[in-house]
Protein backbone atom coordinates (compact mmCIF):
# COMPACT_ATOMS: atom_id res chain seq x y z
CA MET A 1 -91.78 -117.15 90.62
CA CYS A 2 -88.04 -116.72 90.95
CA ALA A 3 -85.10 -118.81 89.85
CA ARG A 4 -82.02 -118.81 92.04
CA GLY A 5 -78.62 -120.41 92.17
CA LEU A 6 -77.80 -123.31 94.49
CA PHE A 7 -74.06 -122.67 94.54
CA SER A 8 -73.89 -118.98 93.69
CA GLN A 9 -75.66 -115.89 94.98
CA TRP A 10 -78.17 -114.87 92.34
CA LYS A 11 -81.93 -114.64 92.07
CA GLN A 12 -84.05 -113.70 89.07
CA PRO A 13 -87.82 -113.27 88.78
CA ILE A 14 -89.06 -115.41 85.88
CA PHE A 15 -92.86 -115.31 86.16
CA PHE A 16 -95.40 -112.88 87.58
CA ASP A 17 -99.16 -112.61 87.12
CA PHE A 18 -102.10 -111.35 89.15
CA ASP A 19 -104.88 -113.72 90.15
CA CYS A 20 -103.18 -116.68 88.54
CA ASP A 21 -102.58 -119.93 90.37
CA MET A 22 -99.40 -121.87 89.67
CA SER A 23 -100.21 -124.73 87.35
CA VAL A 24 -98.32 -127.73 86.04
CA THR A 25 -98.21 -126.06 82.64
CA ILE A 26 -96.75 -122.78 83.97
CA LEU A 27 -94.19 -124.66 86.10
CA ASN A 28 -93.15 -126.98 83.25
CA ASN A 29 -92.88 -124.03 80.82
CA ALA A 30 -90.66 -122.16 83.29
CA ILE A 31 -88.43 -125.23 83.70
CA LYS A 32 -88.19 -125.64 79.90
CA GLU A 33 -87.40 -121.94 79.37
CA LEU A 34 -84.62 -122.10 82.00
CA HIS A 35 -83.23 -125.25 80.39
CA ASP A 36 -83.27 -123.60 76.96
CA VAL A 37 -81.02 -120.78 78.22
CA GLY A 38 -78.60 -123.17 79.95
CA PHE A 39 -79.86 -123.58 83.50
CA SER A 40 -80.50 -126.97 85.15
CA VAL A 41 -83.58 -127.06 87.36
CA VAL A 42 -83.18 -129.62 90.10
CA ALA A 43 -85.67 -128.38 92.71
CA PHE A 44 -88.50 -126.00 93.48
CA VAL A 45 -89.69 -124.56 96.79
CA SER A 46 -93.24 -123.68 97.74
CA ASP A 47 -95.34 -123.20 100.84
CA MET A 48 -98.00 -125.74 101.68
CA GLY A 49 -100.98 -123.51 101.02
CA PRO A 50 -104.07 -125.22 99.58
CA LYS A 51 -103.31 -124.20 95.99
CA ASN A 52 -99.75 -125.51 96.17
CA ARG A 53 -100.95 -128.76 97.76
CA GLY A 54 -103.21 -129.07 94.72
CA LEU A 55 -100.22 -128.53 92.44
CA HIS A 56 -98.26 -131.18 94.36
CA LYS A 57 -101.15 -133.61 93.94
CA LYS A 58 -101.29 -132.97 90.17
CA LEU A 59 -97.50 -133.59 90.00
CA ASP A 60 -97.96 -136.77 92.09
CA ILE A 61 -95.60 -135.45 94.78
CA THR A 62 -95.88 -137.35 98.05
CA PRO A 63 -93.77 -137.71 101.22
CA THR A 64 -92.32 -140.90 99.76
CA LYS A 65 -91.91 -139.44 96.24
CA PRO A 66 -90.90 -135.78 96.68
CA TYR A 67 -90.10 -135.20 93.00
CA PHE A 68 -91.51 -135.24 89.49
CA GLU A 69 -89.90 -135.83 86.10
CA ASN A 70 -88.04 -132.89 84.63
CA PRO A 71 -90.03 -131.86 81.50
CA SER A 72 -86.81 -130.86 79.73
CA ILE A 73 -84.67 -133.89 80.52
CA PRO A 74 -86.53 -137.24 80.55
CA GLY A 75 -85.36 -139.43 83.41
CA GLU A 76 -84.09 -136.48 85.49
CA LYS A 77 -85.95 -135.48 88.66
CA VAL A 78 -87.06 -132.09 89.98
CA PHE A 79 -87.38 -132.26 93.78
CA CYS A 80 -89.97 -130.38 95.79
CA PHE A 81 -89.05 -128.68 99.07
CA VAL A 82 -91.41 -126.92 101.46
CA ASP A 83 -90.60 -123.37 102.50
CA THR A 84 -88.90 -123.62 105.94
CA PRO A 85 -90.51 -120.52 107.52
CA TYR A 86 -93.91 -121.86 106.52
CA LEU A 87 -93.12 -125.19 108.20
CA LEU A 88 -91.99 -123.41 111.35
CA LYS A 89 -95.33 -121.59 111.57
CA LEU A 90 -97.29 -124.78 110.88
CA ILE A 91 -95.42 -126.70 113.59
CA ARG A 92 -95.94 -123.89 116.11
CA ASN A 93 -99.63 -123.57 115.23
CA HIS A 94 -100.20 -127.29 115.45
CA LEU A 95 -98.33 -127.55 118.78
CA LEU A 96 -100.40 -124.73 120.27
CA ASP A 97 -103.72 -126.00 118.88
CA ASN A 98 -103.26 -129.78 119.28
CA ASP A 99 -100.74 -132.31 120.46
CA LEU A 100 -97.95 -133.27 118.05
CA ILE A 101 -97.48 -137.00 117.63
CA LEU A 102 -94.07 -137.86 116.20
CA ALA A 103 -93.35 -140.84 113.94
CA ASP A 104 -91.82 -142.72 116.90
CA GLY A 105 -95.02 -142.26 118.94
CA GLN A 106 -93.72 -139.51 121.23
CA VAL A 107 -96.32 -136.88 122.05
CA ILE A 108 -95.35 -133.22 122.27
CA ILE A 109 -97.83 -131.09 124.24
CA ARG A 110 -98.01 -127.40 125.04
CA ILE A 111 -98.23 -127.79 128.86
CA PRO A 112 -94.49 -127.13 129.40
CA LEU A 113 -94.80 -123.89 127.40
CA ASP A 114 -97.83 -122.75 129.42
CA LYS A 115 -96.16 -123.64 132.71
CA LEU A 116 -92.98 -121.86 131.70
CA VAL A 117 -94.93 -118.64 131.08
CA GLU A 118 -96.98 -119.19 134.26
CA ILE A 119 -93.98 -119.42 136.64
CA GLN A 120 -92.20 -116.36 135.31
CA THR A 121 -91.91 -113.46 137.75
CA ALA A 122 -89.92 -110.25 137.82
CA GLN A 123 -87.13 -112.14 139.59
CA LEU A 124 -87.24 -115.41 137.60
CA LYS A 125 -87.63 -115.38 133.82
CA PRO A 126 -86.03 -118.54 132.47
CA GLY A 127 -88.04 -118.23 129.25
CA TRP A 128 -87.52 -114.51 128.83
CA LYS A 129 -88.45 -114.58 125.12
CA LEU A 130 -91.72 -116.37 125.82
CA SER A 131 -94.98 -114.69 126.84
CA LYS A 132 -98.70 -115.43 126.93
CA THR A 133 -99.10 -113.23 123.87
CA LEU A 134 -96.81 -115.58 121.89
CA LEU A 135 -98.73 -118.67 123.06
CA TYR A 136 -102.19 -117.27 122.34
CA VAL A 137 -101.44 -115.69 118.99
CA LYS A 138 -104.50 -115.19 116.80
CA GLY A 139 -105.40 -114.09 113.29
CA SER A 140 -102.66 -112.62 111.13
CA GLY A 141 -100.21 -112.95 114.05
CA ARG A 142 -100.10 -116.66 113.28
CA GLN A 143 -98.38 -115.80 110.00
CA ASN A 144 -95.46 -114.02 111.74
CA VAL A 145 -92.31 -116.15 111.39
CA LYS A 146 -90.42 -114.24 114.11
CA VAL A 147 -93.16 -115.02 116.64
CA ALA A 148 -93.08 -118.71 115.71
CA ALA A 149 -89.28 -118.70 115.97
CA LYS A 150 -89.44 -117.27 119.51
CA VAL A 151 -91.74 -120.08 120.65
CA LEU A 152 -89.63 -122.75 118.95
CA SER A 153 -86.24 -121.32 119.96
CA ALA A 154 -83.18 -122.79 121.65
CA ASN A 155 -83.83 -120.37 124.53
CA THR A 156 -87.32 -121.81 125.06
CA ALA A 157 -86.01 -125.37 124.88
CA LYS A 158 -83.29 -124.64 127.48
CA ALA A 159 -85.77 -122.87 129.76
CA ILE A 160 -88.19 -125.81 129.66
CA LEU A 161 -85.32 -128.16 130.49
CA PHE A 162 -84.12 -125.90 133.35
CA VAL A 163 -87.59 -125.60 134.84
CA GLY A 164 -88.23 -129.32 134.48
CA ASN A 165 -84.87 -130.29 135.98
CA ASN A 166 -85.54 -127.98 138.93
CA GLN A 167 -89.06 -129.37 139.33
CA LEU A 168 -90.70 -126.00 139.06
CA PHE A 169 -93.74 -127.52 137.35
CA ASN A 170 -95.12 -128.60 140.75
CA GLY A 171 -96.64 -131.99 140.10
CA THR A 172 -98.31 -131.45 136.75
CA ASP A 173 -98.31 -133.94 133.90
CA ALA A 174 -95.64 -131.78 132.29
CA GLU A 175 -93.00 -133.27 134.62
CA ASN A 176 -93.15 -136.39 132.43
CA CYS A 177 -92.91 -134.52 129.13
CA TYR A 178 -90.70 -131.47 129.67
CA LYS A 179 -87.59 -133.24 128.36
CA ILE A 180 -89.42 -134.59 125.33
CA THR A 181 -90.82 -131.12 124.58
CA SER A 182 -87.42 -129.47 125.16
CA ASP A 183 -85.67 -131.99 122.90
CA PHE A 184 -88.26 -131.49 120.19
CA ILE A 185 -88.02 -127.70 120.28
């Protein structure tokens, strides 16, 4: 576990142990120790691995209540944020494995990505960063943030929009969703 500044460039390891899951007690002790030496803890960041989801549950952290009470300052909140690279990988994995259904009901599907890779030739590569390898990533490759970022990049979004606007999808269902997929990416 590391502490870092929000408004200044510093980072300091404050806890390390082998084969030890983060617990409410360890987290609260770290917050108290930081408070005792003059630091205010206002947030913590974690990935959404199963053990951290368990910690969030024990802290009663939910999408509508993304905080818990600061153990050092009653009434003050400590907010929980999810690690952005981890979210990027999860979104990519979910998009490639299933459809994404947004809160407004829009459905994001992978067909525009597949079609974009399918139409690429030596002469026409609108999605030059995208390849079949990136869309069919398996095993430990699914943990690679750079690979996820290539799939969910501005270049990919623009290429989907270009191909859709030029009707290069040739009558597939993707004609109806290329803009939605491009906007989402």
